[in-house]
Amino acid sequence: MFAVRPYVAADACSWDALVERSRNGNLLHRRGYMDYHADRFVDQSLIVERHGEAVAAFPANIQGTVVTSHGGLTYAGLISTHALRAGSTLAVFGQIAGHYRALGVERVIYKAVPHIFHACPAEEDLYALHRLGAQLRRRDLSSVIALREAFRFTQERQREVNKARKAGIDLRTGDEPADFHALLTTVLHRHDTRPTHSLAELRLLRGRFPQHIVLHEARHEGALLAGALVYDFGRVVHAQYLAASEEGRRLNALSLLLAELIGGVYANRSYFSFGISTEHEGTVLNGGLVAHKERFGARAVVHDFYEWAL
């Protein structure tokens, strides 16, 4: 009943339509987002069809004898519609294994979609992985606010926000990311790292998805104090990048900006995601970073990576 075949470029429109109606896909899994860095990865994505209709997709790339779902994405896994149930998911995973074995693949690194990004329950894949003997190999810790449940800022955080409100800081959406990218690069350089996206890539992605990738800024007398680049997934909003200047930290500009996003702009959503606070493949927790997020009322959601030996 179900057939698995390789993705080809001509499938792009049907792939995106599937992601739109899926239970667990979002902006990250659309081809316009995935393919912005196609030159860095050898695509080995799959499409699952029933009677010729696409009902699931598996974003993936291959390197040597290893397939990852997907090396250029935070998470992916099997993006499925309601057509896949428990039994059929087990069968589809068997077909995926057979397809990759025929290519000489020895193992799959499976980056499961965290449950908060599901539009409705979609964890048949985790059961299938268990049945197939896959092992949990990595677990990152992300911080998330459940916006429709009771949460609160710590007293310290609320004092910062109240102080910042009196400083005459202007909160706005930004049209051009150059200033923010420069600030972000400076901030990350202090931690011996750099933004995942170049300025050109940010401009490209914001041009493709202007309603979903939004830059929020805090400025004073025209100078950028802090910024938040938000990925708007609908039910969930995710702070992809956060940065503040020295003056912005002194004035608590980022705390004010985030308070406005959490309690105002995105208050009617289900979750506000701050992203992970772990390093070295989940083995080290950045205590200062996670505490910063927890002071807004965020608590833990894990990002799991499985190793599936074929």
Protein backbone atom coordinates (compact mmCIF):
# COMPACT_ATOMS: atom_id res chain seq x y z
CA MET A 1 0.00 0.00 0.00
CA PHE A 2 2.87 2.39 0.84
CA ALA A 3 5.91 2.93 -1.37
CA VAL A 4 9.19 4.70 -0.57
CA ARG A 5 11.20 6.44 -3.28
CA PRO A 6 13.98 9.06 -3.54
CA TYR A 7 13.05 12.74 -3.59
CA VAL A 8 13.80 14.59 -6.86
CA ALA A 9 13.71 18.31 -7.56
CA ALA A 10 10.41 17.98 -9.47
CA ASP A 11 8.78 16.91 -6.19
CA ALA A 12 9.40 20.27 -4.48
CA CYS A 13 5.82 21.55 -4.69
CA SER A 14 4.22 18.30 -3.53
CA TRP A 15 6.85 18.04 -0.76
CA ASP A 16 5.97 21.52 0.54
CA ALA A 17 2.24 20.79 0.31
CA LEU A 18 2.79 17.66 2.38
CA VAL A 19 4.74 19.60 5.03
CA GLU A 20 1.87 22.11 5.24
CA ARG A 21 -0.69 19.41 6.02
CA SER A 22 1.61 17.22 8.13
CA ARG A 23 1.31 16.56 11.85
CA ASN A 24 4.91 17.47 12.68
CA GLY A 25 6.49 19.51 9.90
CA ASN A 26 7.19 23.23 9.79
CA LEU A 27 9.14 25.91 7.98
CA LEU A 28 12.46 24.10 8.49
CA HIS A 29 11.25 21.17 6.41
CA ARG A 30 10.12 23.11 3.35
CA ARG A 31 12.43 22.76 0.37
CA GLY A 32 12.94 26.51 0.10
CA TYR A 33 14.48 26.43 3.56
CA MET A 34 16.30 23.10 3.34
CA ASP A 35 17.86 23.82 -0.02
CA TYR A 36 19.39 27.22 0.79
CA HIS A 37 22.57 25.31 1.73
CA ALA A 38 22.14 22.42 -0.71
CA ASP A 39 25.75 22.85 -1.84
CA ARG A 40 26.95 21.65 1.61
CA PHE A 41 24.98 18.40 1.69
CA VAL A 42 24.37 15.43 -0.57
CA ASP A 43 20.61 15.05 -0.43
CA GLN A 44 19.23 11.59 0.23
CA SER A 45 15.65 12.53 1.13
CA LEU A 46 12.76 10.13 0.61
CA ILE A 47 9.06 10.45 -0.17
CA VAL A 48 6.44 7.99 1.05
CA GLU A 49 3.44 7.53 -1.23
CA ARG A 50 0.12 5.74 -1.02
CA HIS A 51 -1.58 5.12 -4.33
CA GLY A 52 0.71 7.74 -5.89
CA GLU A 53 -0.08 10.43 -3.29
CA ALA A 54 2.68 11.76 -1.00
CA VAL A 55 1.77 11.03 2.63
CA ALA A 56 5.15 11.39 4.37
CA ALA A 57 8.62 12.75 3.75
CA PHE A 58 12.03 11.98 5.19
CA PRO A 59 14.46 14.93 4.94
CA ALA A 60 17.95 13.46 4.86
CA ASN A 61 21.51 13.78 3.60
CA ILE A 62 24.25 11.21 3.16
CA GLN A 63 27.94 11.29 4.01
CA GLY A 64 29.87 8.11 3.38
CA THR A 65 27.87 5.25 4.86
CA VAL A 66 25.84 7.47 7.22
CA VAL A 67 22.44 9.09 6.54
CA THR A 68 21.34 11.95 8.80
CA SER A 69 17.86 13.42 9.08
CA HIS A 70 19.01 16.17 8.27
CA GLY A 71 22.55 17.47 8.79
CA GLY A 72 21.54 21.04 8.01
CA LEU A 73 18.44 21.12 10.23
CA THR A 74 17.94 21.28 13.98
CA TYR A 75 15.52 18.36 13.77
CA ALA A 76 13.67 16.44 11.06
CA GLY A 77 12.72 12.75 11.18
CA LEU A 78 9.74 11.31 9.35
CA ILE A 79 7.34 14.16 8.50
CA SER A 80 3.98 12.44 8.38
CA THR A 81 0.32 13.10 7.67
CA HIS A 82 -2.68 11.43 9.30
CA ALA A 83 -2.42 8.71 6.64
CA LEU A 84 0.36 7.03 8.60
CA ARG A 85 -0.73 5.05 11.63
CA ALA A 86 1.28 2.83 13.98
CA GLY A 87 1.30 -0.30 11.85
CA SER A 88 1.96 1.47 8.57
CA THR A 89 4.78 3.50 10.15
CA LEU A 90 6.52 0.27 11.15
CA ALA A 91 6.18 -0.97 7.57
CA VAL A 92 7.47 2.32 6.14
CA PHE A 93 10.53 2.24 8.39
CA GLY A 94 11.26 -1.24 7.10
CA GLN A 95 11.11 0.09 3.54
CA ILE A 96 13.35 3.04 4.44
CA ALA A 97 15.90 0.60 5.88
CA GLY A 98 15.79 -1.53 2.74
CA HIS A 99 16.25 1.48 0.48
CA TYR A 100 19.30 2.75 2.35
CA ARG A 101 20.87 -0.69 2.74
CA ALA A 102 20.78 -1.04 -1.03
CA LEU A 103 22.90 2.14 -1.20
CA GLY A 104 25.46 0.75 1.24
CA VAL A 105 24.28 2.84 4.19
CA GLU A 106 25.27 1.34 7.55
CA ARG A 107 23.47 3.64 10.00
CA VAL A 108 20.98 6.47 10.23
CA ILE A 109 21.27 9.40 12.66
CA TYR A 110 17.66 10.27 13.41
CA LYS A 111 16.98 13.77 14.79
CA ALA A 112 13.45 13.45 16.13
CA VAL A 113 11.06 16.41 15.96
CA PRO A 114 10.40 17.51 19.60
CA HIS A 115 6.77 17.06 20.58
CA ILE A 116 6.06 20.78 21.05
CA PHE A 117 6.46 21.21 17.28
CA HIS A 118 3.74 18.63 16.58
CA ALA A 119 0.36 19.96 15.51
CA CYS A 120 -1.09 16.75 16.98
CA PRO A 121 0.43 13.51 18.33
CA ALA A 122 2.98 12.06 15.90
CA GLU A 123 5.36 9.77 17.78
CA GLU A 124 4.81 6.55 15.85
CA ASP A 125 8.36 7.07 14.57
CA LEU A 126 9.82 6.78 18.08
CA TYR A 127 8.04 3.49 18.62
CA ALA A 128 9.27 2.23 15.25
CA LEU A 129 12.85 3.18 16.16
CA HIS A 130 12.52 1.30 19.44
CA ARG A 131 11.23 -1.78 17.65
CA LEU A 132 14.14 -1.60 15.21
CA GLY A 133 16.74 -1.43 17.97
CA ALA A 134 17.76 2.22 17.53
CA GLN A 135 19.66 3.71 20.48
CA LEU A 136 19.41 7.17 22.02
CA ARG A 137 22.85 8.68 21.38
CA ARG A 138 22.42 12.37 22.13
CA ARG A 139 20.00 14.54 24.09
CA ASP A 140 20.07 18.34 23.98
CA LEU A 141 18.13 20.44 26.47
CA SER A 142 15.98 23.25 25.11
CA SER A 143 14.04 25.83 27.13
CA VAL A 144 10.39 26.53 26.31
CA ILE A 145 7.58 28.61 27.80
CA ALA A 146 4.12 27.02 27.67
CA LEU A 147 2.26 30.25 26.96
CA ARG A 148 -1.21 28.85 27.69
CA GLU A 149 -0.19 27.51 31.08
CA ALA A 150 0.73 29.40 34.24
CA PHE A 151 4.25 30.81 34.11
CA ARG A 152 5.94 33.87 35.51
CA PHE A 153 9.14 35.86 35.32
CA THR A 154 11.38 35.79 38.36
CA GLN A 155 11.36 38.94 40.49
CA GLU A 156 14.86 39.76 39.23
CA ARG A 157 13.75 39.49 35.59
CA GLN A 158 10.64 41.56 36.20
CA ARG A 159 12.74 44.30 37.83
CA GLU A 160 14.97 44.35 34.75
CA VAL A 161 11.96 44.72 32.48
CA ASN A 162 10.45 47.49 34.61
CA LYS A 163 13.76 49.36 34.64
CA ALA A 164 14.13 49.03 30.87
CA ARG A 165 10.62 50.40 30.26
CA LYS A 166 11.74 53.71 31.78
CA ALA A 167 14.80 54.04 29.53
CA GLY A 168 12.96 55.22 26.40
CA ILE A 169 13.81 52.13 24.37
CA ASP A 170 12.03 51.81 21.02
CA LEU A 171 10.80 48.32 20.11
CA ARG A 172 10.17 47.63 16.44
CA THR A 173 10.40 45.04 13.67
CA GLY A 174 13.45 45.35 11.45
CA ASP A 175 13.57 45.29 7.66
CA GLU A 176 17.31 44.87 7.14
CA PRO A 177 19.31 42.35 9.21
CA ALA A 178 22.80 43.82 8.63
CA ASP A 179 23.04 45.66 11.97
CA PHE A 180 21.69 42.69 13.88
CA HIS A 181 23.97 40.20 12.15
CA ALA A 182 26.99 42.39 12.91
CA LEU A 183 25.98 42.60 16.59
CA LEU A 184 25.30 38.87 16.75
CA THR A 185 28.69 38.11 15.19
CA THR A 186 30.44 40.29 17.77
CA VAL A 187 28.60 38.65 20.67
CA LEU A 188 29.25 35.10 19.47
CA HIS A 189 32.91 35.87 18.74
CA ARG A 190 33.42 36.31 22.49
CA HIS A 191 32.39 32.67 22.86
CA ASP A 192 34.63 31.48 20.00
CA THR A 193 31.71 30.77 17.70
CA ARG A 194 29.76 32.47 14.92
CA PRO A 195 26.21 32.60 13.51
CA THR A 196 25.07 29.50 11.65
CA HIS A 197 23.77 31.76 8.87
CA SER A 198 25.77 34.34 6.98
CA LEU A 199 24.23 37.76 6.36
CA ALA A 200 23.57 36.79 2.75
CA GLU A 201 21.79 33.61 3.88
CA LEU A 202 19.66 35.53 6.36
CA ARG A 203 18.62 37.96 3.65
CA LEU A 204 17.83 35.06 1.32
CA LEU A 205 15.71 33.18 3.87
CA ARG A 206 13.86 36.28 5.06
CA GLY A 207 13.13 37.10 1.42
CA ARG A 208 11.68 33.62 0.89
CA PHE A 209 9.72 33.51 4.15
CA PRO A 210 8.99 37.12 5.18
CA GLN A 211 5.94 36.14 7.28
CA HIS A 212 7.79 33.41 9.13
CA ILE A 213 11.26 34.83 9.80
CA VAL A 214 10.88 38.11 11.67
CA LEU A 215 13.51 40.41 13.14
CA HIS A 216 12.54 42.26 16.33
CA GLU A 217 14.77 45.10 17.50
CA ALA A 218 15.29 47.29 20.56
CA ARG A 219 16.84 50.65 19.67
CA HIS A 220 17.63 53.89 21.46
CA GLU A 221 18.18 57.06 19.47
CA GLY A 222 18.63 54.88 16.39
CA ALA A 223 21.35 52.66 17.86
CA LEU A 224 20.65 48.91 17.99
CA LEU A 225 20.72 47.73 21.61
CA ALA A 226 19.31 44.22 21.20
CA GLY A 227 17.61 41.99 18.68
CA ALA A 228 15.71 38.71 18.37
CA LEU A 229 15.37 36.82 15.11
CA VAL A 230 12.18 34.78 15.47
CA TYR A 231 11.02 31.80 13.45
CA ASP A 232 7.22 31.90 13.51
CA PHE A 233 5.89 28.36 13.10
CA GLY A 234 2.31 29.23 14.04
CA ARG A 235 1.55 27.38 17.27
CA VAL A 236 5.22 27.70 18.25
CA VAL A 237 7.58 30.63 17.91
CA HIS A 238 11.30 30.05 18.22
CA ALA A 239 14.01 32.57 19.03
CA GLN A 240 16.63 31.52 16.50
CA TYR A 241 19.10 34.25 17.49
CA LEU A 242 19.29 36.67 20.43
CA ALA A 243 21.93 39.36 20.95
CA ALA A 244 22.51 42.52 22.96
CA SER A 245 25.23 45.18 22.89
CA GLU A 246 27.14 46.31 25.97
CA GLU A 247 24.81 49.30 26.29
CA GLY A 248 21.85 47.02 25.67
CA ARG A 249 22.89 44.79 28.54
CA ARG A 250 23.32 47.79 30.81
CA LEU A 251 19.79 48.94 29.99
CA ASN A 252 18.28 45.40 30.02
CA ALA A 253 17.06 45.98 26.48
CA LEU A 254 16.90 42.28 25.59
CA SER A 255 14.83 41.49 28.69
CA LEU A 256 12.36 44.20 27.67
CA LEU A 257 12.24 42.98 24.08
CA LEU A 258 11.63 39.37 25.10
CA ALA A 259 9.01 40.38 27.64
CA GLU A 260 7.12 42.18 24.88
CA LEU A 261 7.36 39.18 22.54
CA ILE A 262 6.31 36.69 25.21
CA GLY A 263 3.57 38.74 26.83
CA GLY A 264 2.38 40.73 23.83
CA VAL A 265 3.29 39.94 20.23
CA TYR A 266 3.14 36.14 20.58
CA ALA A 267 1.04 35.78 23.73
CA ASN A 268 -1.74 33.91 21.90
CA ARG A 269 0.54 31.09 20.72
CA SER A 270 1.11 27.75 22.47
CA TYR A 271 4.87 27.81 23.02
CA PHE A 272 7.80 30.22 22.98
CA SER A 273 11.05 28.34 22.36
CA PHE A 274 14.46 29.70 23.35
CA GLY A 275 16.46 26.81 21.87
CA ILE A 276 19.14 24.64 23.41
CA SER A 277 21.58 25.43 26.21
CA THR A 278 23.76 22.33 25.82
CA GLU A 279 27.19 21.96 24.26
CA HIS A 280 29.48 19.14 23.11
CA GLU A 281 26.60 17.04 21.78
CA GLY A 282 24.50 17.45 24.88
CA THR A 283 27.12 16.39 27.42
CA VAL A 284 27.64 19.88 28.87
CA LEU A 285 24.91 22.19 30.18
CA ASN A 286 25.62 25.92 29.93
CA GLY A 287 24.31 26.83 33.36
CA GLY A 288 24.33 30.59 32.85
CA LEU A 289 22.51 30.36 29.53
CA VAL A 290 19.78 28.02 30.74
CA ALA A 291 19.26 30.09 33.91
CA HIS A 292 18.79 33.20 31.75
CA LYS A 293 15.93 31.48 29.94
CA GLU A 294 14.42 29.96 33.07
CA ARG A 295 14.09 33.42 34.61
CA PHE A 296 11.44 34.11 31.95
CA GLY A 297 9.51 31.02 33.09
CA ALA A 298 10.92 28.58 30.53
CA ARG A 299 11.38 24.90 31.35
CA ALA A 300 12.99 21.94 29.61
CA VAL A 301 12.08 20.12 26.42
CA VAL A 302 14.63 17.67 25.03
CA HIS A 303 15.89 17.24 21.47
CA ASP A 304 16.74 13.57 20.94
CA PHE A 305 19.12 11.98 18.46
CA TYR A 306 18.90 8.24 17.74
CA GLU A 307 21.45 6.00 16.05
CA TRP A 308 19.76 3.36 13.95
CA ALA A 309 22.10 0.60 12.75
CA LEU A 310 20.96 -0.92 9.47
